[in-house]
Amino acid sequence: MSSELFTVSEAARWAKVSESFLNKARLTGGGPKFVRLGRSIRYRIEDLESWAKAGAAGSTSEYGAPA
């Protein structure tokens, strides 16, 4: 399995969120899966896509509803 690794900055641009959001989400567990390489954080595109797909909803009433 070969996948390009995105930096936090690149992942934030891809997801159209701030780097700060990704940093906070990584700490609280609400963000996409990530890879730690030494002191560097990287994101795989498939993890970003999966995270974005998991956040999809048809209406605001669906947020927080059990799956």
PDB file of N, CA and C in Angstrom:
ATOM      1  N   MET A   1       0.856  -1.180   0.000  1.00  0.00           N
ATOM      2  CA  MET A   1       0.000   0.000   0.000  1.00  0.00           C
ATOM      3  C   MET A   1       0.896   1.236   0.000  1.00  0.00           C
ATOM      4  N   SER A   2       0.808   2.012  -1.045  1.00  0.00           N
ATOM      5  CA  SER A   2       1.608   3.217  -1.165  1.00  0.00           C
ATOM      6  C   SER A   2       0.690   4.431  -1.113  1.00  0.00           C
ATOM      7  N   SER A   3       1.067   5.381  -0.297  1.00  0.00           N
ATOM      8  CA  SER A   3       0.234   6.565  -0.162  1.00  0.00           C
ATOM      9  C   SER A   3       1.103   7.772   0.128  1.00  0.00           C
ATOM     10  N   GLU A   4       0.758   8.876  -0.498  1.00  0.00           N
ATOM     11  CA  GLU A   4       1.459  10.120  -0.229  1.00  0.00           C
ATOM     12  C   GLU A   4       1.106  10.587   1.181  1.00  0.00           C
ATOM     13  N   LEU A   5       2.085  11.111   1.870  1.00  0.00           N
ATOM     14  CA  LEU A   5       1.863  11.647   3.217  1.00  0.00           C
ATOM     15  C   LEU A   5       1.806  13.165   3.146  1.00  0.00           C
ATOM     16  N   PHE A   6       0.762  13.743   3.697  1.00  0.00           N
ATOM     17  CA  PHE A   6       0.584  15.192   3.721  1.00  0.00           C
ATOM     18  C   PHE A   6       1.091  15.757   5.035  1.00  0.00           C
ATOM     19  N   THR A   7       1.709  16.927   4.988  1.00  0.00           N
ATOM     20  CA  THR A   7       2.048  17.651   6.213  1.00  0.00           C
ATOM     21  C   THR A   7       0.755  18.200   6.804  1.00  0.00           C
ATOM     22  N   VAL A   8       0.831  18.738   8.011  1.00  0.00           N
ATOM     23  CA  VAL A   8      -0.349  19.347   8.632  1.00  0.00           C
ATOM     24  C   VAL A   8      -0.866  20.483   7.754  1.00  0.00           C
ATOM     25  N   SER A   9       0.045  21.280   7.236  1.00  0.00           N
ATOM     26  CA  SER A   9      -0.337  22.405   6.374  1.00  0.00           C
ATOM     27  C   SER A   9      -1.043  21.923   5.114  1.00  0.00           C
ATOM     28  N   GLU A  10      -0.501  20.902   4.464  1.00  0.00           N
ATOM     29  CA  GLU A  10      -1.103  20.359   3.248  1.00  0.00           C
ATOM     30  C   GLU A  10      -2.460  19.725   3.533  1.00  0.00           C
ATOM     31  N   ALA A  11      -2.558  18.992   4.644  1.00  0.00           N
ATOM     32  CA  ALA A  11      -3.823  18.358   5.019  1.00  0.00           C
ATOM     33  C   ALA A  11      -4.883  19.408   5.328  1.00  0.00           C
ATOM     34  N   ALA A  12      -4.483  20.477   5.990  1.00  0.00           N
ATOM     35  CA  ALA A  12      -5.423  21.554   6.309  1.00  0.00           C
ATOM     36  C   ALA A  12      -5.933  22.209   5.029  1.00  0.00           C
ATOM     37  N   ARG A  13      -5.043  22.441   4.077  1.00  0.00           N
ATOM     38  CA  ARG A  13      -5.464  23.008   2.791  1.00  0.00           C
ATOM     39  C   ARG A  13      -6.419  22.061   2.074  1.00  0.00           C
ATOM     40  N   TRP A  14      -6.103  20.757   2.084  1.00  0.00           N
ATOM     41  CA  TRP A  14      -6.958  19.771   1.424  1.00  0.00           C
ATOM     42  C   TRP A  14      -8.360  19.766   2.039  1.00  0.00           C
ATOM     43  N   ALA A  15      -8.428  19.795   3.373  1.00  0.00           N
ATOM     44  CA  ALA A  15      -9.717  19.731   4.073  1.00  0.00           C
ATOM     45  C   ALA A  15     -10.390  21.092   4.198  1.00  0.00           C
ATOM     46  N   LYS A  16      -9.674  22.146   3.801  1.00  0.00           N
ATOM     47  CA  LYS A  16     -10.175  23.522   3.909  1.00  0.00           C
ATOM     48  C   LYS A  16     -10.530  23.879   5.358  1.00  0.00           C
ATOM     49  N   VAL A  17      -9.617  23.508   6.259  1.00  0.00           N
ATOM     50  CA  VAL A  17      -9.705  23.880   7.671  1.00  0.00           C
ATOM     51  C   VAL A  17      -8.353  24.475   8.061  1.00  0.00           C
ATOM     52  N   SER A  18      -8.288  25.069   9.232  1.00  0.00           N
ATOM     53  CA  SER A  18      -7.023  25.659   9.665  1.00  0.00           C
ATOM     54  C   SER A  18      -6.091  24.594  10.239  1.00  0.00           C
ATOM     55  N   GLU A  19      -4.808  24.891  10.214  1.00  0.00           N
ATOM     56  CA  GLU A  19      -3.838  24.005  10.847  1.00  0.00           C
ATOM     57  C   GLU A  19      -4.158  23.875  12.329  1.00  0.00           C
ATOM     58  N   SER A  20      -4.574  24.977  12.944  1.00  0.00           N
ATOM     59  CA  SER A  20      -4.923  24.982  14.357  1.00  0.00           C
ATOM     60  C   SER A  20      -6.054  23.993  14.637  1.00  0.00           C
ATOM     61  N   PHE A  21      -7.045  23.941  13.743  1.00  0.00           N
ATOM     62  CA  PHE A  21      -8.148  22.996  13.919  1.00  0.00           C
ATOM     63  C   PHE A  21      -7.623  21.565  13.933  1.00  0.00           C
ATOM     64  N   LEU A  22      -6.760  21.219  12.959  1.00  0.00           N
ATOM     65  CA  LEU A  22      -6.219  19.857  12.911  1.00  0.00           C
ATOM     66  C   LEU A  22      -5.379  19.545  14.145  1.00  0.00           C
ATOM     67  N   ASN A  23      -4.587  20.510  14.596  1.00  0.00           N
ATOM     68  CA  ASN A  23      -3.770  20.295  15.790  1.00  0.00           C
ATOM     69  C   ASN A  23      -4.640  20.027  17.008  1.00  0.00           C
ATOM     70  N   LYS A  24      -5.699  20.812  17.180  1.00  0.00           N
ATOM     71  CA  LYS A  24      -6.599  20.623  18.319  1.00  0.00           C
ATOM     72  C   LYS A  24      -7.374  19.318  18.194  1.00  0.00           C
ATOM     73  N   ALA A  25      -7.840  19.012  16.978  1.00  0.00           N
ATOM     74  CA  ALA A  25      -8.592  17.775  16.755  1.00  0.00           C
ATOM     75  C   ALA A  25      -7.723  16.551  17.017  1.00  0.00           C
ATOM     76  N   ARG A  26      -6.441  16.649  16.712  1.00  0.00           N
ATOM     77  CA  ARG A  26      -5.518  15.537  16.980  1.00  0.00           C
ATOM     78  C   ARG A  26      -5.384  15.295  18.473  1.00  0.00           C
ATOM     79  N   LEU A  27      -5.387  16.357  19.255  1.00  0.00           N
ATOM     80  CA  LEU A  27      -5.275  16.230  20.706  1.00  0.00           C
ATOM     81  C   LEU A  27      -6.550  15.697  21.353  1.00  0.00           C
ATOM     82  N   THR A  28      -7.700  16.095  20.822  1.00  0.00           N
ATOM     83  CA  THR A  28      -8.975  15.697  21.425  1.00  0.00           C
ATOM     84  C   THR A  28      -9.537  14.417  20.828  1.00  0.00           C
ATOM     85  N   GLY A  29      -8.951  13.949  19.726  1.00  0.00           N
ATOM     86  CA  GLY A  29      -9.422  12.719  19.107  1.00  0.00           C
ATOM     87  C   GLY A  29     -10.537  12.917  18.102  1.00  0.00           C
ATOM     88  N   GLY A  30     -10.820  14.148  17.718  1.00  0.00           N
ATOM     89  CA  GLY A  30     -11.906  14.388  16.786  1.00  0.00           C
ATOM     90  C   GLY A  30     -11.475  14.536  15.342  1.00  0.00           C
ATOM     91  N   GLY A  31     -10.206  14.384  15.076  1.00  0.00           N
ATOM     92  CA  GLY A  31      -9.708  14.600  13.721  1.00  0.00           C
ATOM     93  C   GLY A  31      -9.413  13.304  13.002  1.00  0.00           C
ATOM     94  N   PRO A  32      -8.828  13.427  11.820  1.00  0.00           N
ATOM     95  CA  PRO A  32      -8.475  12.238  11.042  1.00  0.00           C
ATOM     96  C   PRO A  32      -7.310  11.486  11.684  1.00  0.00           C
ATOM     97  N   LYS A  33      -7.182  10.205  11.342  1.00  0.00           N
ATOM     98  CA  LYS A  33      -6.029   9.431  11.792  1.00  0.00           C
ATOM     99  C   LYS A  33      -4.767  10.091  11.245  1.00  0.00           C
ATOM    100  N   PHE A  34      -3.682   9.932  11.958  1.00  0.00           N
ATOM    101  CA  PHE A  34      -2.424  10.540  11.532  1.00  0.00           C
ATOM    102  C   PHE A  34      -1.280   9.574  11.739  1.00  0.00           C
ATOM    103  N   VAL A  35      -0.148   9.893  11.137  1.00  0.00           N
ATOM    104  CA  VAL A  35       1.075   9.101  11.248  1.00  0.00           C
ATOM    105  C   VAL A  35       2.127   9.978  11.904  1.00  0.00           C
ATOM    106  N   ARG A  36       2.793   9.447  12.918  1.00  0.00           N
ATOM    107  CA  ARG A  36       3.884  10.183  13.561  1.00  0.00           C
ATOM    108  C   ARG A  36       5.208   9.587  13.057  1.00  0.00           C
ATOM    109  N   LEU A  37       6.023  10.446  12.476  1.00  0.00           N
ATOM    110  CA  LEU A  37       7.352  10.064  12.002  1.00  0.00           C
ATOM    111  C   LEU A  37       8.363  10.878  12.790  1.00  0.00           C
ATOM    112  N   GLY A  38       8.878  10.287  13.836  1.00  0.00           N
ATOM    113  CA  GLY A  38       9.739  11.045  14.743  1.00  0.00           C
ATOM    114  C   GLY A  38       8.914  12.124  15.406  1.00  0.00           C
ATOM    115  N   ARG A  39       9.285  13.376  15.186  1.00  0.00           N
ATOM    116  CA  ARG A  39       8.528  14.492  15.756  1.00  0.00           C
ATOM    117  C   ARG A  39       7.555  15.112  14.754  1.00  0.00           C
ATOM    118  N   SER A  40       7.502  14.535  13.557  1.00  0.00           N
ATOM    119  CA  SER A  40       6.642  15.070  12.500  1.00  0.00           C
ATOM    120  C   SER A  40       5.305  14.342  12.449  1.00  0.00           C
ATOM    121  N   ILE A  41       4.271  15.079  12.113  1.00  0.00           N
ATOM    122  CA  ILE A  41       2.930  14.526  11.945  1.00  0.00           C
ATOM    123  C   ILE A  41       2.612  14.537  10.457  1.00  0.00           C
ATOM    124  N   ARG A  42       2.086  13.437   9.955  1.00  0.00           N
ATOM    125  CA  ARG A  42       1.675  13.335   8.563  1.00  0.00           C
ATOM    126  C   ARG A  42       0.289  12.707   8.497  1.00  0.00           C
ATOM    127  N   TYR A  43      -0.427  13.018   7.407  1.00  0.00           N
ATOM    128  CA  TYR A  43      -1.766  12.483   7.171  1.00  0.00           C
ATOM    129  C   TYR A  43      -1.792  11.769   5.833  1.00  0.00           C
ATOM    130  N   ARG A  44      -2.399  10.577   5.792  1.00  0.00           N
ATOM    131  CA  ARG A  44      -2.596   9.852   4.537  1.00  0.00           C
ATOM    132  C   ARG A  44      -3.907  10.319   3.919  1.00  0.00           C
ATOM    133  N   ILE A  45      -3.940  10.414   2.589  1.00  0.00           N
ATOM    134  CA  ILE A  45      -5.130  10.895   1.894  1.00  0.00           C
ATOM    135  C   ILE A  45      -6.338  10.015   2.204  1.00  0.00           C
ATOM    136  N   GLU A  46      -6.144   8.708   2.296  1.00  0.00           N
ATOM    137  CA  GLU A  46      -7.284   7.835   2.572  1.00  0.00           C
ATOM    138  C   GLU A  46      -7.866   8.084   3.969  1.00  0.00           C
ATOM    139  N   ASP A  47      -7.021   8.468   4.917  1.00  0.00           N
ATOM    140  CA  ASP A  47      -7.524   8.794   6.253  1.00  0.00           C
ATOM    141  C   ASP A  47      -8.280  10.122   6.248  1.00  0.00           C
ATOM    142  N   LEU A  48      -7.798  11.088   5.470  1.00  0.00           N
ATOM    143  CA  LEU A  48      -8.507  12.364   5.349  1.00  0.00           C
ATOM    144  C   LEU A  48      -9.866  12.160   4.684  1.00  0.00           C
ATOM    145  N   GLU A  49      -9.890  11.351   3.628  1.00  0.00           N
ATOM    146  CA  GLU A  49     -11.151  11.089   2.930  1.00  0.00           C
ATOM    147  C   GLU A  49     -12.137  10.349   3.823  1.00  0.00           C
ATOM    148  N   SER A  50     -11.656   9.375   4.575  1.00  0.00           N
ATOM    149  CA  SER A  50     -12.508   8.614   5.491  1.00  0.00           C
ATOM    150  C   SER A  50     -13.085   9.513   6.574  1.00  0.00           C
ATOM    151  N   TRP A  51     -12.258  10.396   7.118  1.00  0.00           N
ATOM    152  CA  TRP A  51     -12.699  11.338   8.146  1.00  0.00           C
ATOM    153  C   TRP A  51     -13.764  12.283   7.597  1.00  0.00           C
ATOM    154  N   ALA A  52     -13.535  12.778   6.381  1.00  0.00           N
ATOM    155  CA  ALA A  52     -14.505  13.687   5.760  1.00  0.00           C
ATOM    156  C   ALA A  52     -15.821  12.959   5.488  1.00  0.00           C
ATOM    157  N   LYS A  53     -15.734  11.724   5.020  1.00  0.00           N
ATOM    158  CA  LYS A  53     -16.935  10.944   4.733  1.00  0.00           C
ATOM    159  C   LYS A  53     -17.719  10.655   6.013  1.00  0.00           C
ATOM    160  N   ALA A  54     -17.019  10.371   7.101  1.00  0.00           N
ATOM    161  CA  ALA A  54     -17.678  10.078   8.381  1.00  0.00           C
ATOM    162  C   ALA A  54     -18.420  11.292   8.917  1.00  0.00           C
ATOM    163  N   GLY A  55     -18.006  12.483   8.517  1.00  0.00           N
ATOM    164  CA  GLY A  55     -18.641  13.709   8.982  1.00  0.00           C
ATOM    165  C   GLY A  55     -19.810  14.152   8.120  1.00  0.00           C
ATOM    166  N   ALA A  56     -20.087  13.400   7.057  1.00  0.00           N
ATOM    167  CA  ALA A  56     -21.170  13.774   6.148  1.00  0.00           C
ATOM    168  C   ALA A  56     -22.530  13.515   6.791  1.00  0.00           C
ATOM    169  N   ALA A  57     -23.458  14.442   6.572  1.00  0.00           N
ATOM    170  CA  ALA A  57     -24.820  14.298   7.099  1.00  0.00           C
ATOM    171  C   ALA A  57     -25.794  14.923   6.109  1.00  0.00           C
ATOM    172  N   GLY A  58     -27.025  14.452   6.154  1.00  0.00           N
ATOM    173  CA  GLY A  58     -28.049  14.976   5.264  1.00  0.00           C
ATOM    174  C   GLY A  58     -28.770  16.180   5.828  1.00  0.00           C
ATOM    175  N   SER A  59     -28.724  16.347   7.159  1.00  0.00           N
ATOM    176  CA  SER A  59     -29.363  17.491   7.798  1.00  0.00           C
ATOM    177  C   SER A  59     -28.696  17.732   9.146  1.00  0.00           C
ATOM    178  N   THR A  60     -28.926  18.913   9.719  1.00  0.00           N
ATOM    179  CA  THR A  60     -28.312  19.220  11.016  1.00  0.00           C
ATOM    180  C   THR A  60     -28.881  18.344  12.114  1.00  0.00           C
ATOM    181  N   SER A  61     -30.063  17.801  11.947  1.00  0.00           N
ATOM    182  CA  SER A  61     -30.642  16.941  12.978  1.00  0.00           C
ATOM    183  C   SER A  61     -29.946  15.583  13.061  1.00  0.00           C
ATOM    184  N   GLU A  62     -29.158  15.252  12.042  1.00  0.00           N
ATOM    185  CA  GLU A  62     -28.438  13.988  12.056  1.00  0.00           C
ATOM    186  C   GLU A  62     -27.182  14.035  12.939  1.00  0.00           C
ATOM    187  N   TYR A  63     -26.664  15.214  13.230  1.00  0.00           N
ATOM    188  CA  TYR A  63     -25.474  15.312  14.057  1.00  0.00           C
ATOM    189  C   TYR A  63     -25.788  14.822  15.454  1.00  0.00           C
ATOM    190  N   GLY A  64     -24.958  13.933  15.951  1.00  0.00           N
ATOM    191  CA  GLY A  64     -25.140  13.417  17.297  1.00  0.00           C
ATOM    192  C   GLY A  64     -26.123  12.246  17.366  1.00  0.00           C
ATOM    193  N   ALA A  65     -26.788  11.932  16.259  1.00  0.00           N
ATOM    194  CA  ALA A  65     -27.715  10.804  16.253  1.00  0.00           C
ATOM    195  C   ALA A  65     -26.918   9.515  16.212  1.00  0.00           C
ATOM    196  N   PRO A  66     -27.358   8.483  16.919  1.00  0.00           N
ATOM    197  CA  PRO A  66     -26.630   7.201  16.879  1.00  0.00           C
ATOM    198  C   PRO A  66     -26.617   6.622  15.485  1.00  0.00           C
ATOM    199  N   ALA A  67     -25.510   6.016  15.107  1.00  0.00           N
ATOM    200  CA  ALA A  67     -25.365   5.442  13.754  1.00  0.00           C
ATOM    201  C   ALA A  67     -26.050   4.108  13.643  1.00  0.00           C
TER     202      ALA A  67
END
